[in-house]
Structure formats: C-alpha cells, structure tokens
C-alpha cells in the first residue's frame, strides 16, 4: 500500500502522465500539459475515486479504457458548467483570439470581431486534451470551436456563420445586452 492506495490504483492514476512523458507533446508543450496531468492525478488520489477506476474484466478480458479518470471527468464537467456561465460569450477554440490555430476557430473570432464582440472568454483546447474532449462530451457536439451565450450552447463555426448570415446573431447578441457593431455600420452606410 502506498499512502492508503494500492499499487494498481497508483499505476492507473499515473497512466496519462506516463503516456504524456513518452509522447511528442512533451517536447512541444511541456509545462501546461504536464501541470494539468499532475493536478488531475493528485485530485484523483485525494478523492480516492481512482481506486474505483481500475480495469474491469469484460468477457474475461481487461478493458484498456481505464486511462480516463472518473473524478477528473466529473470535476471537468462541473468546471465546464461554471466556465460557460461565467461570461456572456464563451468560445472553446484551437488557439487564442489573437492567434487562432485553425480556420474554423479563426472564422468564429472574425465573426465576433465583425459584430464588435471583443470581450469574451476564450479557452484554448490545444493546451489541455482533457478540456478538448471534455467540452465535446459536455455539449454533445463533436467539433471545436464551440460557442456559448449565457451558459447555453449555440454551436460551432457553421452555426455561428449561419446566424451571422441570416441576421439571428444580431438578435442573440441583443438578448445578451451586446450591441452589434454591424448595426452601426449599417446606419453609417445609409
């Protein structure tokens, strides 16, 4: 026993950390990813939930799907609920608004910028793989970027683009108390 935990429990809780150490991501993004893995491992060990997440035999075989932490998943879902409610507009994207790392994330940033929405929370899912998968599970939407208004999931790039094109985005922003800059541009052109 190690601090009240069986060696198998510790081994399961360290799997993502060990997988990370031997991955190419360790070379390209060491501090943030490593810190995230260490925090989630410590949370699991403190809560004792990792002990309940040992591989279970399925039809006489042991499933390898035990690399995920139940406690980390539960904590992340709770954290995501708070994150999307914290700001009027929240975007989970690849990269940052200043430096989007994919065309779809860039399109969302540009659409928001056209409407004068500069004050929003943006979370870079490339910095944290748990966040990347967690937000997909949270919204039940398979792609990134993801946009939330007042804690409600709006959609991805395609939905936001459609809302922009048909004028619904102006109305939705108005409900949030955000005046679209496109309305001012329209008045100036007349």
N, C-alpha and C. Protein backbone atom coordinates (compact mmCIF):
# COMPACT_ATOMS: atom_id res chain seq x y z
N UNK A 1 0.84 -1.18 0.00
CA UNK A 1 0.00 0.00 0.00
C UNK A 1 0.89 1.25 0.00
N UNK A 2 0.42 2.24 -0.71
CA UNK A 2 1.16 3.49 -0.83
C UNK A 2 0.22 4.61 -0.42
N UNK A 3 0.40 5.13 0.79
CA UNK A 3 -0.46 6.21 1.26
C UNK A 3 -1.93 5.83 1.26
N UNK A 4 -2.26 4.58 1.52
CA UNK A 4 -3.65 4.15 1.54
C UNK A 4 -4.17 3.69 0.19
N UNK A 5 -3.33 3.73 -0.83
CA UNK A 5 -3.74 3.33 -2.17
C UNK A 5 -2.97 2.09 -2.60
N UNK A 6 -3.63 1.22 -3.26
CA UNK A 6 -2.97 0.02 -3.77
C UNK A 6 -2.05 0.41 -4.92
N UNK A 7 -0.99 -0.35 -5.18
CA UNK A 7 -0.12 -0.04 -6.31
C UNK A 7 -0.89 0.01 -7.63
N UNK A 8 -1.92 -0.82 -7.79
CA UNK A 8 -2.70 -0.81 -9.03
C UNK A 8 -3.42 0.52 -9.19
N UNK A 9 -3.93 1.07 -8.08
CA UNK A 9 -4.62 2.36 -8.14
C UNK A 9 -3.67 3.46 -8.58
N UNK A 10 -2.48 3.48 -7.99
CA UNK A 10 -1.50 4.49 -8.33
C UNK A 10 -1.09 4.33 -9.79
N UNK A 11 -0.89 3.08 -10.22
CA UNK A 11 -0.49 2.83 -11.60
C UNK A 11 -1.55 3.33 -12.58
N UNK A 12 -2.83 3.08 -12.30
CA UNK A 12 -3.90 3.54 -13.17
C UNK A 12 -3.94 5.06 -13.19
N UNK A 13 -3.78 5.69 -12.01
CA UNK A 13 -3.88 7.13 -11.96
C UNK A 13 -2.70 7.81 -12.65
N UNK A 14 -1.61 7.13 -12.80
CA UNK A 14 -0.43 7.72 -13.44
C UNK A 14 -0.35 7.41 -14.93
N UNK A 15 -1.21 6.57 -15.45
CA UNK A 15 -1.12 6.21 -16.87
C UNK A 15 -1.10 7.41 -17.81
N UNK A 16 -2.05 8.38 -17.68
CA UNK A 16 -1.99 9.52 -18.60
C UNK A 16 -0.69 10.30 -18.48
N UNK A 17 -0.17 10.41 -17.26
CA UNK A 17 1.08 11.11 -17.04
C UNK A 17 2.23 10.39 -17.74
N UNK A 18 2.29 9.09 -17.58
CA UNK A 18 3.35 8.31 -18.22
C UNK A 18 3.21 8.33 -19.73
N UNK A 19 1.98 8.23 -20.23
CA UNK A 19 1.76 8.30 -21.67
C UNK A 19 2.24 9.64 -22.22
N UNK A 20 1.99 10.69 -21.44
CA UNK A 20 2.42 12.03 -21.85
C UNK A 20 3.95 12.11 -21.94
N UNK A 21 4.63 11.56 -20.93
CA UNK A 21 6.08 11.65 -20.91
C UNK A 21 6.72 11.04 -22.15
N UNK A 22 6.08 10.02 -22.71
CA UNK A 22 6.64 9.35 -23.88
C UNK A 22 6.02 9.83 -25.18
N UNK A 23 5.29 10.93 -25.14
CA UNK A 23 4.64 11.44 -26.34
C UNK A 23 5.43 12.61 -26.92
N UNK A 24 5.14 12.94 -28.15
CA UNK A 24 5.78 14.09 -28.78
C UNK A 24 5.28 15.39 -28.17
N UNK A 25 4.10 15.38 -27.55
CA UNK A 25 3.56 16.59 -26.94
C UNK A 25 4.45 17.06 -25.78
N UNK A 26 5.12 16.14 -25.12
CA UNK A 26 6.01 16.50 -24.02
C UNK A 26 7.13 17.41 -24.51
N UNK A 27 7.52 17.22 -25.74
CA UNK A 27 8.59 18.04 -26.31
C UNK A 27 8.07 19.42 -26.67
N UNK A 28 6.86 19.50 -27.24
CA UNK A 28 6.34 20.75 -27.76
C UNK A 28 5.61 21.61 -26.76
N UNK A 29 5.02 21.02 -25.74
CA UNK A 29 4.22 21.81 -24.79
C UNK A 29 4.38 21.25 -23.38
N UNK A 30 5.60 21.21 -22.86
CA UNK A 30 5.80 20.53 -21.59
C UNK A 30 5.09 21.10 -20.38
N UNK A 31 5.19 22.40 -20.07
CA UNK A 31 4.72 22.82 -18.76
C UNK A 31 3.23 22.72 -18.56
N UNK A 32 2.42 23.23 -19.49
CA UNK A 32 0.98 23.30 -19.27
C UNK A 32 0.35 21.93 -19.24
N UNK A 33 0.70 21.08 -20.19
CA UNK A 33 0.10 19.75 -20.25
C UNK A 33 0.53 18.93 -19.05
N UNK A 34 1.79 19.01 -18.70
CA UNK A 34 2.30 18.23 -17.57
C UNK A 34 1.64 18.69 -16.28
N UNK A 35 1.51 20.00 -16.08
CA UNK A 35 0.86 20.51 -14.88
C UNK A 35 -0.59 20.05 -14.80
N UNK A 36 -1.28 20.04 -15.93
CA UNK A 36 -2.67 19.59 -15.97
C UNK A 36 -2.77 18.13 -15.57
N UNK A 37 -1.87 17.30 -16.08
CA UNK A 37 -1.89 15.88 -15.74
C UNK A 37 -1.58 15.66 -14.26
N UNK A 38 -0.61 16.39 -13.76
CA UNK A 38 -0.24 16.25 -12.35
C UNK A 38 -1.42 16.66 -11.46
N UNK A 39 -2.07 17.80 -11.79
CA UNK A 39 -3.22 18.25 -10.99
C UNK A 39 -4.34 17.22 -10.99
N UNK A 40 -4.66 16.67 -12.16
CA UNK A 40 -5.77 15.71 -12.21
C UNK A 40 -5.41 14.43 -11.48
N UNK A 41 -4.14 14.01 -11.53
CA UNK A 41 -3.72 12.81 -10.80
C UNK A 41 -3.83 13.04 -9.30
N UNK A 42 -3.38 14.18 -8.82
CA UNK A 42 -3.46 14.48 -7.40
C UNK A 42 -4.91 14.54 -6.94
N UNK A 43 -5.78 15.20 -7.76
CA UNK A 43 -7.21 15.26 -7.41
C UNK A 43 -7.79 13.87 -7.26
N UNK A 44 -7.45 12.98 -8.19
CA UNK A 44 -7.99 11.63 -8.14
C UNK A 44 -7.49 10.87 -6.92
N UNK A 45 -6.22 10.97 -6.64
CA UNK A 45 -5.67 10.26 -5.49
C UNK A 45 -6.26 10.80 -4.19
N UNK A 46 -6.43 12.12 -4.09
CA UNK A 46 -7.02 12.70 -2.87
C UNK A 46 -8.45 12.27 -2.68
N UNK A 47 -9.20 12.22 -3.78
CA UNK A 47 -10.62 11.88 -3.67
C UNK A 47 -10.84 10.39 -3.49
N UNK A 48 -9.85 9.59 -3.85
CA UNK A 48 -9.99 8.13 -3.72
C UNK A 48 -10.78 7.51 -4.85
N UNK A 49 -11.26 8.30 -5.81
CA UNK A 49 -12.07 7.76 -6.90
C UNK A 49 -11.23 6.90 -7.83
N UNK A 50 -9.95 7.20 -7.94
CA UNK A 50 -9.10 6.43 -8.86
C UNK A 50 -9.12 4.95 -8.50
N UNK A 51 -9.29 4.64 -7.21
CA UNK A 51 -9.32 3.25 -6.79
C UNK A 51 -10.51 2.51 -7.38
N UNK A 52 -11.57 3.24 -7.70
CA UNK A 52 -12.76 2.62 -8.27
C UNK A 52 -12.69 2.55 -9.78
N UNK A 53 -11.59 3.00 -10.34
CA UNK A 53 -11.49 3.06 -11.78
C UNK A 53 -10.40 2.14 -12.30
N UNK A 54 -10.27 1.01 -11.68
CA UNK A 54 -9.33 0.01 -12.13
C UNK A 54 -9.93 -0.75 -13.31
N UNK A 55 -9.09 -1.36 -14.14
CA UNK A 55 -9.64 -2.11 -15.27
C UNK A 55 -10.59 -3.20 -14.80
N UNK A 56 -11.71 -3.31 -15.44
CA UNK A 56 -12.70 -4.33 -15.11
C UNK A 56 -12.70 -5.39 -16.19
N UNK A 57 -12.72 -6.65 -15.81
CA UNK A 57 -12.79 -7.70 -16.83
C UNK A 57 -14.11 -7.63 -17.59
N UNK A 58 -14.03 -7.71 -18.90
CA UNK A 58 -15.20 -7.75 -19.76
C UNK A 58 -15.06 -9.00 -20.61
N UNK A 59 -15.98 -9.93 -20.44
CA UNK A 59 -15.91 -11.21 -21.14
C UNK A 59 -14.56 -11.89 -20.96
N UNK A 60 -14.04 -11.83 -19.73
CA UNK A 60 -12.77 -12.47 -19.44
C UNK A 60 -11.55 -11.66 -19.85
N UNK A 61 -11.74 -10.53 -20.49
CA UNK A 61 -10.62 -9.68 -20.90
C UNK A 61 -10.66 -8.38 -20.11
N UNK A 62 -9.52 -7.77 -19.94
CA UNK A 62 -9.45 -6.49 -19.24
C UNK A 62 -9.51 -5.38 -20.27
N UNK A 63 -10.43 -4.45 -20.06
CA UNK A 63 -10.59 -3.32 -20.97
C UNK A 63 -9.45 -2.33 -20.77
N UNK A 64 -8.97 -1.76 -21.84
CA UNK A 64 -7.90 -0.77 -21.73
C UNK A 64 -8.45 0.65 -21.65
N UNK A 65 -9.75 0.79 -21.51
CA UNK A 65 -10.37 2.12 -21.49
C UNK A 65 -10.24 2.80 -20.13
N UNK A 66 -9.39 2.27 -19.27
CA UNK A 66 -9.30 2.81 -17.92
C UNK A 66 -8.37 3.99 -17.79
N UNK A 67 -7.85 4.50 -18.88
CA UNK A 67 -6.92 5.64 -18.81
C UNK A 67 -7.63 6.92 -18.39
N UNK A 68 -8.92 6.99 -18.55
CA UNK A 68 -9.70 8.18 -18.15
C UNK A 68 -10.00 8.13 -16.66
N UNK A 69 -10.00 9.24 -16.03
CA UNK A 69 -10.34 9.31 -14.61
C UNK A 69 -11.81 9.65 -14.47
N UNK A 70 -12.50 8.91 -13.63
CA UNK A 70 -13.89 9.28 -13.35
C UNK A 70 -13.94 10.61 -12.61
N UNK A 71 -13.03 10.77 -11.66
CA UNK A 71 -13.07 12.01 -10.88
C UNK A 71 -12.70 13.21 -11.74
N UNK A 72 -11.72 13.05 -12.60
CA UNK A 72 -11.33 14.16 -13.46
C UNK A 72 -12.47 14.51 -14.40
N UNK A 73 -13.16 13.51 -14.92
CA UNK A 73 -14.27 13.75 -15.82
C UNK A 73 -15.40 14.46 -15.09
N UNK A 74 -15.71 13.99 -13.89
CA UNK A 74 -16.79 14.62 -13.11
C UNK A 74 -16.42 16.05 -12.75
N UNK A 75 -15.18 16.25 -12.30
CA UNK A 75 -14.72 17.60 -11.97
C UNK A 75 -14.74 18.49 -13.19
N UNK A 76 -14.29 17.96 -14.32
CA UNK A 76 -14.23 18.76 -15.54
C UNK A 76 -15.63 19.17 -15.99
N UNK A 77 -16.59 18.26 -15.92
CA UNK A 77 -17.96 18.60 -16.32
C UNK A 77 -18.52 19.70 -15.42
N UNK A 78 -18.22 19.62 -14.12
CA UNK A 78 -18.65 20.66 -13.18
C UNK A 78 -17.95 21.97 -13.51
N UNK A 79 -16.64 21.90 -13.76
CA UNK A 79 -15.87 23.10 -14.11
C UNK A 79 -16.38 23.71 -15.41
N UNK A 80 -16.68 22.88 -16.40
CA UNK A 80 -17.18 23.39 -17.68
C UNK A 80 -18.51 24.10 -17.49
N UNK A 81 -19.37 23.56 -16.65
CA UNK A 81 -20.65 24.22 -16.36
C UNK A 81 -20.44 25.61 -15.81
N UNK A 82 -19.47 25.75 -14.92
CA UNK A 82 -19.15 27.07 -14.35
C UNK A 82 -18.49 27.97 -15.39
N UNK A 83 -17.61 27.40 -16.20
CA UNK A 83 -16.89 28.19 -17.20
C UNK A 83 -17.84 28.82 -18.22
N UNK A 84 -18.81 28.05 -18.69
CA UNK A 84 -19.70 28.58 -19.72
C UNK A 84 -20.69 29.61 -19.16
N UNK A 85 -20.90 29.59 -17.86
CA UNK A 85 -21.82 30.55 -17.24
C UNK A 85 -21.12 31.80 -16.74
N UNK A 86 -19.80 31.76 -16.65
CA UNK A 86 -19.04 32.86 -16.07
C UNK A 86 -19.10 34.14 -16.91
N UNK A 87 -19.12 34.00 -18.23
CA UNK A 87 -19.13 35.15 -19.14
C UNK A 87 -20.32 35.06 -20.07
N UNK A 88 -20.72 36.21 -20.63
CA UNK A 88 -21.84 36.24 -21.57
C UNK A 88 -21.53 35.42 -22.82
N UNK A 89 -20.31 35.55 -23.33
CA UNK A 89 -19.89 34.82 -24.53
C UNK A 89 -18.64 34.02 -24.18
N UNK A 90 -18.69 32.72 -24.46
CA UNK A 90 -17.57 31.83 -24.20
C UNK A 90 -17.29 31.04 -25.46
N UNK A 91 -16.00 30.95 -25.82
CA UNK A 91 -15.59 30.19 -27.00
C UNK A 91 -14.50 29.21 -26.60
N UNK A 92 -14.72 27.95 -26.92
CA UNK A 92 -13.68 26.94 -26.81
C UNK A 92 -13.12 26.77 -28.21
N UNK A 93 -11.82 27.03 -28.36
CA UNK A 93 -11.25 27.09 -29.70
C UNK A 93 -9.85 26.50 -29.72
N UNK A 94 -9.35 26.32 -30.92
CA UNK A 94 -7.96 25.91 -31.11
C UNK A 94 -7.15 27.17 -31.28
N UNK A 95 -6.30 27.45 -30.30
CA UNK A 95 -5.53 28.68 -30.30
C UNK A 95 -6.19 29.73 -29.44
N UNK A 96 -5.83 30.98 -29.72
CA UNK A 96 -6.37 32.11 -28.97
C UNK A 96 -6.98 33.09 -29.96
N UNK A 97 -7.79 34.04 -29.48
CA UNK A 97 -8.35 35.03 -30.41
C UNK A 97 -7.25 35.81 -31.15
N UNK A 98 -6.14 36.05 -30.48
CA UNK A 98 -5.03 36.75 -31.12
C UNK A 98 -4.29 35.87 -32.12
N UNK A 99 -4.32 34.55 -31.88
CA UNK A 99 -3.62 33.62 -32.77
C UNK A 99 -4.40 32.31 -32.89
N UNK A 100 -5.48 32.32 -33.67
CA UNK A 100 -6.24 31.08 -33.88
C UNK A 100 -5.37 30.05 -34.61
N UNK A 101 -5.54 28.79 -34.24
CA UNK A 101 -4.71 27.73 -34.81
C UNK A 101 -5.46 26.86 -35.82
N UNK A 102 -6.67 27.25 -36.19
CA UNK A 102 -7.39 26.54 -37.26
C UNK A 102 -8.35 27.52 -37.93
N UNK A 103 -8.72 27.21 -39.14
CA UNK A 103 -9.57 28.10 -39.92
C UNK A 103 -10.94 28.30 -39.31
N UNK A 104 -11.51 27.26 -38.73
CA UNK A 104 -12.84 27.37 -38.14
C UNK A 104 -12.81 28.26 -36.89
N UNK A 105 -11.78 28.10 -36.07
CA UNK A 105 -11.63 28.97 -34.90
C UNK A 105 -11.41 30.41 -35.35
N UNK A 106 -10.63 30.60 -36.38
CA UNK A 106 -10.40 31.94 -36.92
C UNK A 106 -11.71 32.55 -37.42
N UNK A 107 -12.54 31.75 -38.08
CA UNK A 107 -13.82 32.26 -38.59
C UNK A 107 -14.71 32.74 -37.44
N UNK A 108 -14.76 31.98 -36.35
CA UNK A 108 -15.56 32.39 -35.19
C UNK A 108 -15.04 33.71 -34.62
N UNK A 109 -13.71 33.83 -34.49
CA UNK A 109 -13.12 35.07 -33.98
C UNK A 109 -13.47 36.23 -34.90
N UNK A 110 -13.38 36.03 -36.21
CA UNK A 110 -13.67 37.11 -37.17
C UNK A 110 -15.14 37.51 -37.14
N UNK A 111 -16.03 36.55 -37.02
CA UNK A 111 -17.46 36.86 -36.94
C UNK A 111 -17.74 37.69 -35.69
N UNK A 112 -17.21 37.26 -34.56
CA UNK A 112 -17.41 38.01 -33.32
C UNK A 112 -16.80 39.41 -33.44
N UNK A 113 -15.63 39.50 -34.05
CA UNK A 113 -14.96 40.79 -34.24
C UNK A 113 -15.80 41.72 -35.12
N UNK A 114 -16.41 41.17 -36.18
CA UNK A 114 -17.26 41.99 -37.06
C UNK A 114 -18.43 42.60 -36.30
N UNK A 115 -18.92 41.87 -35.32
CA UNK A 115 -20.06 42.34 -34.52
C UNK A 115 -19.60 43.19 -33.34
N UNK A 116 -18.29 43.39 -33.22
CA UNK A 116 -17.75 44.21 -32.13
C UNK A 116 -17.70 43.49 -30.80
N UNK A 117 -17.76 42.18 -30.83
CA UNK A 117 -17.68 41.40 -29.59
C UNK A 117 -16.21 41.08 -29.34
N UNK A 118 -15.61 41.88 -28.48
CA UNK A 118 -14.19 41.69 -28.16
C UNK A 118 -14.00 41.16 -26.74
N UNK A 119 -15.02 41.34 -25.91
CA UNK A 119 -14.93 40.94 -24.52
C UNK A 119 -15.63 39.60 -24.33
N UNK A 120 -14.88 38.52 -24.50
CA UNK A 120 -15.43 37.18 -24.29
C UNK A 120 -14.35 36.26 -23.78
N UNK A 121 -14.78 35.20 -23.14
CA UNK A 121 -13.84 34.21 -22.61
C UNK A 121 -13.50 33.23 -23.72
N UNK A 122 -12.22 33.02 -23.93
CA UNK A 122 -11.76 32.07 -24.94
C UNK A 122 -10.83 31.06 -24.26
N UNK A 123 -11.09 29.79 -24.49
CA UNK A 123 -10.29 28.72 -23.91
C UNK A 123 -9.62 27.93 -25.03
N UNK A 124 -8.31 27.82 -24.95
CA UNK A 124 -7.53 27.11 -25.95
C UNK A 124 -7.51 25.62 -25.62
N UNK A 125 -8.23 24.83 -26.39
CA UNK A 125 -8.32 23.39 -26.12
C UNK A 125 -7.05 22.66 -26.50
N UNK A 126 -6.15 23.30 -27.24
CA UNK A 126 -4.89 22.65 -27.61
C UNK A 126 -3.94 22.55 -26.43
N UNK A 127 -4.18 23.35 -25.40
CA UNK A 127 -3.32 23.32 -24.21
C UNK A 127 -3.70 22.19 -23.25
N UNK A 128 -4.88 21.64 -23.40
CA UNK A 128 -5.35 20.63 -22.45
C UNK A 128 -6.25 19.63 -23.16
N UNK A 129 -5.75 18.43 -23.35
CA UNK A 129 -6.51 17.41 -24.06
C UNK A 129 -7.76 16.98 -23.29
N UNK A 130 -7.69 17.04 -21.95
CA UNK A 130 -8.88 16.72 -21.16
C UNK A 130 -9.98 17.74 -21.41
N UNK A 131 -9.60 19.01 -21.50
CA UNK A 131 -10.56 20.08 -21.81
C UNK A 131 -11.12 19.87 -23.21
N UNK A 132 -10.26 19.53 -24.14
CA UNK A 132 -10.69 19.34 -25.54
C UNK A 132 -11.77 18.26 -25.64
N UNK A 133 -11.53 17.12 -25.00
CA UNK A 133 -12.53 16.05 -25.05
C UNK A 133 -13.70 16.35 -24.12
N UNK A 134 -13.41 16.96 -22.99
CA UNK A 134 -14.45 17.26 -22.01
C UNK A 134 -15.52 18.19 -22.54
N UNK A 135 -15.12 19.22 -23.29
CA UNK A 135 -16.11 20.16 -23.83
C UNK A 135 -16.95 19.47 -24.90
N UNK A 136 -16.37 18.55 -25.64
CA UNK A 136 -17.15 17.79 -26.63
C UNK A 136 -18.19 16.93 -25.94
N UNK A 137 -17.80 16.31 -24.84
CA UNK A 137 -18.74 15.49 -24.07
C UNK A 137 -19.80 16.36 -23.40
N UNK A 138 -19.38 17.50 -22.88
CA UNK A 138 -20.28 18.42 -22.18
C UNK A 138 -21.41 18.90 -23.08
N UNK A 139 -21.06 19.26 -24.31
CA UNK A 139 -22.06 19.81 -25.24
C UNK A 139 -22.70 18.75 -26.12
N UNK A 140 -22.10 17.56 -26.12
CA UNK A 140 -22.53 16.51 -27.04
C UNK A 140 -22.40 17.00 -28.49
N UNK A 141 -21.32 17.73 -28.74
CA UNK A 141 -21.02 18.30 -30.06
C UNK A 141 -19.60 17.87 -30.40
N UNK A 142 -19.38 17.25 -31.55
CA UNK A 142 -18.09 16.59 -31.80
C UNK A 142 -16.95 17.48 -32.26
N UNK A 143 -17.21 18.75 -32.54
CA UNK A 143 -16.15 19.57 -33.13
C UNK A 143 -15.81 20.80 -32.30
N UNK A 144 -14.67 21.35 -32.57
CA UNK A 144 -14.17 22.59 -31.99
C UNK A 144 -14.01 23.54 -33.16
N UNK A 145 -14.38 24.79 -33.05
CA UNK A 145 -14.74 25.57 -31.88
C UNK A 145 -16.18 25.35 -31.43
N UNK A 146 -16.44 25.76 -30.20
CA UNK A 146 -17.78 25.73 -29.63
C UNK A 146 -18.07 27.08 -28.99
N UNK A 147 -19.26 27.59 -29.24
CA UNK A 147 -19.65 28.91 -28.76
C UNK A 147 -20.83 28.78 -27.79
N UNK A 148 -20.75 29.52 -26.69
CA UNK A 148 -21.81 29.54 -25.68
C UNK A 148 -22.23 30.99 -25.43
N UNK A 149 -23.54 31.21 -25.32
CA UNK A 149 -24.09 32.51 -24.93
C UNK A 149 -24.84 32.32 -23.63
N UNK A 150 -24.46 33.06 -22.60
CA UNK A 150 -25.10 32.97 -21.28
C UNK A 150 -25.25 31.53 -20.80
N UNK A 151 -24.21 30.74 -20.97
CA UNK A 151 -24.20 29.37 -20.49
C UNK A 151 -24.91 28.37 -21.39
N UNK A 152 -25.52 28.84 -22.47
CA UNK A 152 -26.23 27.95 -23.40
C UNK A 152 -25.37 27.69 -24.63
N UNK A 153 -25.30 26.43 -25.01
CA UNK A 153 -24.53 26.06 -26.19
C UNK A 153 -25.22 26.58 -27.45
N UNK A 154 -24.48 27.32 -28.27
CA UNK A 154 -25.00 27.87 -29.52
C UNK A 154 -24.67 26.93 -30.66
N UNK A 155 -23.41 26.55 -30.75
CA UNK A 155 -22.97 25.65 -31.81
C UNK A 155 -21.52 25.91 -32.16
N UNK A 156 -21.14 25.43 -33.33
CA UNK A 156 -19.78 25.61 -33.80
C UNK A 156 -19.71 26.72 -34.84
N UNK A 157 -18.65 26.66 -35.63
CA UNK A 157 -18.41 27.68 -36.64
C UNK A 157 -19.55 27.75 -37.65
N UNK A 158 -20.02 26.60 -38.09
CA UNK A 158 -21.09 26.57 -39.11
C UNK A 158 -22.36 27.23 -38.61
N UNK A 159 -22.73 26.99 -37.38
CA UNK A 159 -23.95 27.56 -36.80
C UNK A 159 -23.79 29.07 -36.63
N UNK A 160 -22.63 29.50 -36.09
CA UNK A 160 -22.40 30.92 -35.90
C UNK A 160 -22.38 31.65 -37.24
N UNK A 161 -21.78 31.04 -38.25
CA UNK A 161 -21.76 31.65 -39.58
C UNK A 161 -23.18 31.79 -40.14
N UNK A 162 -23.98 30.76 -39.98
CA UNK A 162 -25.37 30.80 -40.44
C UNK A 162 -26.15 31.89 -39.71
N UNK A 163 -25.95 31.99 -38.40
CA UNK A 163 -26.63 33.02 -37.61
C UNK A 163 -26.19 34.42 -38.07
N UNK A 164 -24.92 34.56 -38.40
CA UNK A 164 -24.40 35.83 -38.89
C UNK A 164 -25.03 36.18 -40.23
N UNK A 165 -25.11 35.20 -41.11
CA UNK A 165 -25.63 35.44 -42.46
C UNK A 165 -27.12 35.76 -42.47
N UNK A 166 -27.89 35.11 -41.61
CA UNK A 166 -29.34 35.36 -41.64
C UNK A 166 -29.80 36.42 -40.63
N UNK A 167 -28.87 37.03 -39.91
CA UNK A 167 -29.21 38.13 -39.00
C UNK A 167 -29.58 37.71 -37.59
N UNK A 168 -29.65 36.41 -37.34
CA UNK A 168 -30.02 35.94 -36.00
C UNK A 168 -28.97 36.29 -34.95
N UNK A 169 -27.72 36.41 -35.37
CA UNK A 169 -26.66 36.70 -34.41
C UNK A 169 -26.85 38.09 -33.78
N UNK A 170 -27.29 39.05 -34.57
CA UNK A 170 -27.56 40.40 -34.06
C UNK A 170 -28.61 40.32 -32.96
N UNK A 171 -29.67 39.55 -33.20
CA UNK A 171 -30.75 39.41 -32.21
C UNK A 171 -30.26 38.69 -30.95
N UNK A 172 -29.47 37.65 -31.12
CA UNK A 172 -28.96 36.90 -29.96
C UNK A 172 -28.02 37.77 -29.13
N UNK A 173 -27.19 38.55 -29.79
CA UNK A 173 -26.29 39.45 -29.06
C UNK A 173 -27.09 40.51 -28.31
N UNK A 174 -28.16 40.98 -28.91
CA UNK A 174 -29.02 41.97 -28.27
C UNK A 174 -29.61 41.40 -26.97
N UNK A 175 -30.01 40.12 -26.99
CA UNK A 175 -30.54 39.46 -25.79
C UNK A 175 -29.50 39.42 -24.67
N UNK A 176 -28.22 39.42 -25.07
CA UNK A 176 -27.13 39.40 -24.09
C UNK A 176 -26.76 40.80 -23.62
N UNK A 177 -27.39 41.81 -24.21
CA UNK A 177 -27.05 43.18 -23.89
C UNK A 177 -25.83 43.67 -24.66
N UNK A 178 -25.53 43.01 -25.76
CA UNK A 178 -24.38 43.39 -26.59
C UNK A 178 -24.91 44.00 -27.88
N UNK A 179 -24.52 45.24 -28.14
CA UNK A 179 -24.94 45.94 -29.35
C UNK A 179 -23.98 45.55 -30.49
N UNK A 180 -24.52 45.00 -31.55
CA UNK A 180 -23.69 44.58 -32.68
C UNK A 180 -23.15 45.78 -33.43
N UNK A 181 -21.86 45.77 -33.70
CA UNK A 181 -21.21 46.84 -34.45
C UNK A 181 -21.72 46.89 -35.89
N UNK A 182 -22.27 45.80 -36.38
CA UNK A 182 -22.80 45.79 -37.74
C UNK A 182 -24.01 46.70 -37.87
N UNK A 183 -24.76 46.90 -36.80
CA UNK A 183 -25.90 47.83 -36.84
C UNK A 183 -25.41 49.25 -37.04
N UNK A 184 -24.31 49.60 -36.38
CA UNK A 184 -23.74 50.94 -36.54
C UNK A 184 -23.20 51.12 -37.95
N UNK A 185 -22.56 50.10 -38.48
CA UNK A 185 -22.01 50.17 -39.83
C UNK A 185 -23.12 50.30 -40.85
N UNK A 186 -24.25 49.63 -40.59
CA UNK A 186 -25.40 49.72 -41.49
C UNK A 186 -25.99 51.12 -41.48
N UNK A 187 -26.08 51.75 -40.28
CA UNK A 187 -26.60 53.11 -40.18
C UNK A 187 -25.70 54.11 -40.88
N UNK A 188 -24.40 53.92 -40.75
CA UNK A 188 -23.44 54.82 -41.37
C UNK A 188 -23.46 54.75 -42.89
N UNK A 189 -23.78 53.58 -43.42
CA UNK A 189 -23.79 53.42 -44.88
C UNK A 189 -25.03 54.03 -45.52
N UNK A 190 -26.05 54.34 -44.71
CA UNK A 190 -27.29 54.91 -45.26
C UNK A 190 -27.24 56.40 -45.35
